[in-house]
Amino acid sequence: MADYYVYILTNKPRSTLYVGVTNDLVRRVYEHREGVVPGFTKRYGLKQLVYFERYGTPALAIQREKNIKHWSRAWKLDLVNSSNPQWRDLYTDIMR
């Protein structure tokens, strides 16, 4: 069974946020960091992984992503603060 991830990127703590979903978190964050994919994250330099959640099915991950995207900015900030209060870049953690 594959894993699916909902993740949040930023360019600096408490700044612009991007919520995404993927089945390969390491690859996808690498693509964002390297600017491989044109779009919002490349335009705003969103390269720091500050939050992620793992799901067992794509349907659950996609629904969670949609829910988070509809949340207010304050709720998204609270979500990150609850598990990553220093807003550390978690990319090195997922590389292990």
N, C-alpha and C. Protein backbone atom coordinates (compact mmCIF):
# COMPACT_ATOMS: atom_id res chain seq x y z
N MET A 1 0.85 -1.18 0.00
CA MET A 1 0.00 0.00 0.00
C MET A 1 0.90 1.25 0.00
N ALA A 2 0.63 2.15 -0.88
CA ALA A 2 1.43 3.37 -1.02
C ALA A 2 1.00 4.41 0.01
N ASP A 3 1.91 5.33 0.28
CA ASP A 3 1.60 6.47 1.15
C ASP A 3 1.33 7.70 0.30
N TYR A 4 0.48 8.55 0.81
CA TYR A 4 0.14 9.82 0.17
C TYR A 4 0.30 10.90 1.20
N TYR A 5 0.72 12.07 0.78
CA TYR A 5 1.07 13.14 1.70
C TYR A 5 0.37 14.44 1.36
N VAL A 6 -0.05 15.13 2.39
CA VAL A 6 -0.48 16.52 2.29
C VAL A 6 0.64 17.31 2.94
N TYR A 7 1.06 18.40 2.29
CA TYR A 7 2.20 19.13 2.80
C TYR A 7 2.00 20.63 2.66
N ILE A 8 2.76 21.38 3.46
CA ILE A 8 2.72 22.84 3.40
C ILE A 8 4.14 23.34 3.22
N LEU A 9 4.31 24.22 2.24
CA LEU A 9 5.59 24.88 1.97
C LEU A 9 5.47 26.37 2.26
N THR A 10 6.61 26.99 2.54
CA THR A 10 6.67 28.43 2.72
C THR A 10 8.03 28.92 2.22
N ASN A 11 8.18 30.24 2.16
CA ASN A 11 9.48 30.81 1.79
C ASN A 11 10.20 31.37 3.01
N LYS A 12 9.45 31.67 4.06
CA LYS A 12 10.01 32.07 5.35
C LYS A 12 8.90 31.92 6.38
N PRO A 13 9.24 31.77 7.64
CA PRO A 13 8.21 31.53 8.67
C PRO A 13 7.07 32.55 8.62
N ARG A 14 5.87 32.02 8.69
CA ARG A 14 4.63 32.80 8.76
C ARG A 14 4.44 33.73 7.57
N SER A 15 4.94 33.33 6.42
CA SER A 15 4.80 34.12 5.20
C SER A 15 3.84 33.39 4.25
N THR A 16 4.11 33.44 2.97
CA THR A 16 3.27 32.80 1.96
C THR A 16 3.25 31.29 2.19
N LEU A 17 2.06 30.69 2.06
CA LEU A 17 1.88 29.26 2.26
C LEU A 17 1.36 28.59 1.00
N TYR A 18 1.78 27.35 0.80
CA TYR A 18 1.28 26.53 -0.30
C TYR A 18 0.91 25.17 0.27
N VAL A 19 -0.27 24.69 -0.04
CA VAL A 19 -0.73 23.37 0.39
C VAL A 19 -0.78 22.47 -0.83
N GLY A 20 -0.14 21.30 -0.73
CA GLY A 20 -0.14 20.38 -1.86
C GLY A 20 -0.36 18.95 -1.41
N VAL A 21 -0.47 18.05 -2.39
CA VAL A 21 -0.64 16.62 -2.13
C VAL A 21 0.24 15.86 -3.11
N THR A 22 0.80 14.73 -2.66
CA THR A 22 1.69 13.94 -3.51
C THR A 22 1.76 12.51 -3.00
N ASN A 23 2.23 11.61 -3.85
CA ASN A 23 2.48 10.24 -3.42
C ASN A 23 3.97 9.99 -3.19
N ASP A 24 4.80 11.00 -3.42
CA ASP A 24 6.25 10.89 -3.20
C ASP A 24 6.74 12.22 -2.64
N LEU A 25 6.74 12.34 -1.34
CA LEU A 25 7.04 13.62 -0.69
C LEU A 25 8.47 14.09 -0.96
N VAL A 26 9.43 13.20 -0.88
CA VAL A 26 10.82 13.59 -1.11
C VAL A 26 11.00 14.14 -2.52
N ARG A 27 10.50 13.41 -3.51
CA ARG A 27 10.62 13.86 -4.91
C ARG A 27 9.92 15.20 -5.12
N ARG A 28 8.71 15.32 -4.60
CA ARG A 28 7.92 16.53 -4.86
C ARG A 28 8.55 17.75 -4.20
N VAL A 29 9.01 17.63 -2.97
CA VAL A 29 9.64 18.77 -2.31
C VAL A 29 10.94 19.12 -3.03
N TYR A 30 11.68 18.11 -3.48
CA TYR A 30 12.89 18.36 -4.27
C TYR A 30 12.55 19.17 -5.52
N GLU A 31 11.49 18.81 -6.20
CA GLU A 31 11.07 19.55 -7.40
C GLU A 31 10.75 21.01 -7.07
N HIS A 32 10.07 21.23 -5.96
CA HIS A 32 9.79 22.61 -5.53
C HIS A 32 11.09 23.35 -5.23
N ARG A 33 11.98 22.71 -4.51
CA ARG A 33 13.23 23.35 -4.10
C ARG A 33 14.10 23.74 -5.30
N GLU A 34 14.07 22.89 -6.31
CA GLU A 34 14.90 23.13 -7.49
C GLU A 34 14.20 23.99 -8.54
N GLY A 35 12.94 24.32 -8.33
CA GLY A 35 12.20 25.14 -9.28
C GLY A 35 11.90 24.43 -10.58
N VAL A 36 11.79 23.12 -10.53
CA VAL A 36 11.55 22.31 -11.73
C VAL A 36 10.17 22.58 -12.32
N VAL A 37 9.20 22.77 -11.44
CA VAL A 37 7.81 22.93 -11.89
C VAL A 37 7.44 24.41 -11.88
N PRO A 38 7.05 24.95 -13.04
CA PRO A 38 6.64 26.36 -13.06
C PRO A 38 5.31 26.53 -12.32
N GLY A 39 5.11 27.72 -11.79
CA GLY A 39 3.84 27.99 -11.11
C GLY A 39 4.03 28.79 -9.83
N PHE A 40 3.05 28.67 -8.96
CA PHE A 40 2.98 29.47 -7.73
C PHE A 40 4.21 29.29 -6.84
N THR A 41 4.62 28.05 -6.60
CA THR A 41 5.74 27.83 -5.68
C THR A 41 7.05 28.37 -6.25
N LYS A 42 7.25 28.24 -7.54
CA LYS A 42 8.46 28.78 -8.15
C LYS A 42 8.43 30.30 -8.14
N ARG A 43 7.29 30.89 -8.47
CA ARG A 43 7.15 32.35 -8.52
C ARG A 43 7.44 33.00 -7.17
N TYR A 44 7.00 32.36 -6.09
CA TYR A 44 7.16 32.93 -4.76
C TYR A 44 8.31 32.32 -3.97
N GLY A 45 9.07 31.42 -4.56
CA GLY A 45 10.23 30.84 -3.90
C GLY A 45 9.87 30.00 -2.68
N LEU A 46 8.80 29.24 -2.78
CA LEU A 46 8.35 28.41 -1.66
C LEU A 46 9.10 27.09 -1.68
N LYS A 47 10.12 26.99 -0.83
CA LYS A 47 11.01 25.84 -0.85
C LYS A 47 11.14 25.13 0.49
N GLN A 48 10.59 25.70 1.55
CA GLN A 48 10.75 25.12 2.88
C GLN A 48 9.53 24.27 3.26
N LEU A 49 9.77 23.01 3.50
CA LEU A 49 8.71 22.10 3.96
C LEU A 49 8.53 22.31 5.46
N VAL A 50 7.36 22.81 5.85
CA VAL A 50 7.14 23.10 7.28
C VAL A 50 6.07 22.21 7.90
N TYR A 51 5.37 21.42 7.10
CA TYR A 51 4.32 20.56 7.64
C TYR A 51 3.98 19.47 6.64
N PHE A 52 3.68 18.27 7.16
CA PHE A 52 3.15 17.22 6.29
C PHE A 52 2.38 16.21 7.13
N GLU A 53 1.47 15.52 6.45
CA GLU A 53 0.67 14.45 7.03
C GLU A 53 0.68 13.29 6.06
N ARG A 54 0.66 12.07 6.57
CA ARG A 54 0.68 10.87 5.74
C ARG A 54 -0.70 10.21 5.74
N TYR A 55 -1.12 9.71 4.57
CA TYR A 55 -2.40 9.02 4.42
C TYR A 55 -2.20 7.74 3.63
N GLY A 56 -3.08 6.79 3.83
CA GLY A 56 -2.98 5.50 3.17
C GLY A 56 -3.67 5.42 1.82
N THR A 57 -4.55 6.37 1.53
CA THR A 57 -5.24 6.35 0.23
C THR A 57 -5.20 7.74 -0.39
N PRO A 58 -5.22 7.79 -1.71
CA PRO A 58 -5.21 9.10 -2.37
C PRO A 58 -6.47 9.90 -2.06
N ALA A 59 -7.60 9.23 -1.94
CA ALA A 59 -8.86 9.94 -1.69
C ALA A 59 -8.81 10.70 -0.36
N LEU A 60 -8.28 10.07 0.67
CA LEU A 60 -8.17 10.75 1.97
C LEU A 60 -7.22 11.94 1.90
N ALA A 61 -6.09 11.76 1.23
CA ALA A 61 -5.11 12.85 1.12
C ALA A 61 -5.68 14.02 0.33
N ILE A 62 -6.34 13.73 -0.77
CA ILE A 62 -6.91 14.80 -1.60
C ILE A 62 -8.00 15.55 -0.85
N GLN A 63 -8.83 14.83 -0.12
CA GLN A 63 -9.88 15.49 0.65
C GLN A 63 -9.29 16.38 1.74
N ARG A 64 -8.26 15.88 2.42
CA ARG A 64 -7.61 16.69 3.46
C ARG A 64 -6.98 17.94 2.85
N GLU A 65 -6.32 17.81 1.70
CA GLU A 65 -5.72 18.97 1.02
C GLU A 65 -6.81 20.00 0.71
N LYS A 66 -7.91 19.56 0.18
CA LYS A 66 -9.01 20.49 -0.16
C LYS A 66 -9.54 21.18 1.09
N ASN A 67 -9.68 20.42 2.17
CA ASN A 67 -10.15 21.02 3.42
C ASN A 67 -9.20 22.10 3.91
N ILE A 68 -7.91 21.77 3.95
CA ILE A 68 -6.92 22.74 4.44
C ILE A 68 -6.89 23.98 3.55
N LYS A 69 -6.98 23.79 2.25
CA LYS A 69 -6.95 24.93 1.33
C LYS A 69 -8.11 25.89 1.58
N HIS A 70 -9.22 25.38 2.08
CA HIS A 70 -10.37 26.23 2.36
C HIS A 70 -10.32 26.87 3.74
N TRP A 71 -9.39 26.46 4.57
CA TRP A 71 -9.25 27.05 5.90
C TRP A 71 -8.75 28.48 5.80
N SER A 72 -8.99 29.24 6.83
CA SER A 72 -8.44 30.59 6.90
C SER A 72 -6.92 30.50 7.09
N ARG A 73 -6.25 31.57 6.78
CA ARG A 73 -4.80 31.63 6.95
C ARG A 73 -4.42 31.36 8.41
N ALA A 74 -5.17 31.93 9.34
CA ALA A 74 -4.88 31.75 10.77
C ALA A 74 -4.91 30.27 11.16
N TRP A 75 -5.87 29.52 10.63
CA TRP A 75 -5.96 28.09 10.95
C TRP A 75 -4.76 27.33 10.38
N LYS A 76 -4.33 27.72 9.18
CA LYS A 76 -3.16 27.07 8.59
C LYS A 76 -1.91 27.36 9.42
N LEU A 77 -1.76 28.60 9.86
CA LEU A 77 -0.63 28.95 10.70
C LEU A 77 -0.66 28.16 12.01
N ASP A 78 -1.84 28.02 12.60
CA ASP A 78 -1.99 27.23 13.82
C ASP A 78 -1.63 25.76 13.59
N LEU A 79 -1.99 25.23 12.43
CA LEU A 79 -1.67 23.84 12.09
C LEU A 79 -0.16 23.64 12.08
N VAL A 80 0.56 24.53 11.43
CA VAL A 80 2.02 24.42 11.39
C VAL A 80 2.60 24.63 12.78
N ASN A 81 2.13 25.66 13.48
CA ASN A 81 2.64 25.95 14.82
C ASN A 81 2.46 24.79 15.79
N SER A 82 1.38 24.03 15.62
CA SER A 82 1.09 22.94 16.55
C SER A 82 2.13 21.82 16.49
N SER A 83 2.71 21.59 15.32
CA SER A 83 3.69 20.50 15.21
C SER A 83 5.11 20.98 14.90
N ASN A 84 5.25 22.23 14.49
CA ASN A 84 6.57 22.75 14.11
C ASN A 84 6.67 24.22 14.54
N PRO A 85 6.66 24.49 15.85
CA PRO A 85 6.62 25.88 16.33
C PRO A 85 7.81 26.74 15.91
N GLN A 86 8.95 26.12 15.61
CA GLN A 86 10.12 26.89 15.14
C GLN A 86 10.10 27.08 13.63
N TRP A 87 9.14 26.50 12.96
CA TRP A 87 9.03 26.57 11.50
C TRP A 87 10.33 26.09 10.84
N ARG A 88 10.88 24.98 11.38
CA ARG A 88 12.07 24.38 10.79
C ARG A 88 11.73 23.81 9.41
N ASP A 89 12.71 23.80 8.54
CA ASP A 89 12.56 23.13 7.25
C ASP A 89 12.68 21.63 7.50
N LEU A 90 11.65 20.88 7.24
CA LEU A 90 11.60 19.45 7.55
C LEU A 90 12.17 18.58 6.44
N TYR A 91 12.68 19.18 5.39
CA TYR A 91 13.18 18.42 4.25
C TYR A 91 14.28 17.45 4.66
N THR A 92 15.21 17.90 5.49
CA THR A 92 16.30 16.99 5.91
C THR A 92 15.74 15.83 6.74
N ASP A 93 14.66 16.06 7.48
CA ASP A 93 14.05 14.98 8.27
C ASP A 93 13.47 13.88 7.39
N ILE A 94 12.88 14.23 6.27
CA ILE A 94 12.27 13.22 5.40
C ILE A 94 13.29 12.54 4.51
N MET A 95 14.50 13.09 4.44
CA MET A 95 15.55 12.49 3.62
C MET A 95 16.19 11.28 4.29
N ARG A 96 15.96 11.08 5.57
CA ARG A 96 16.59 9.99 6.34
C ARG A 96 16.01 8.65 6.01
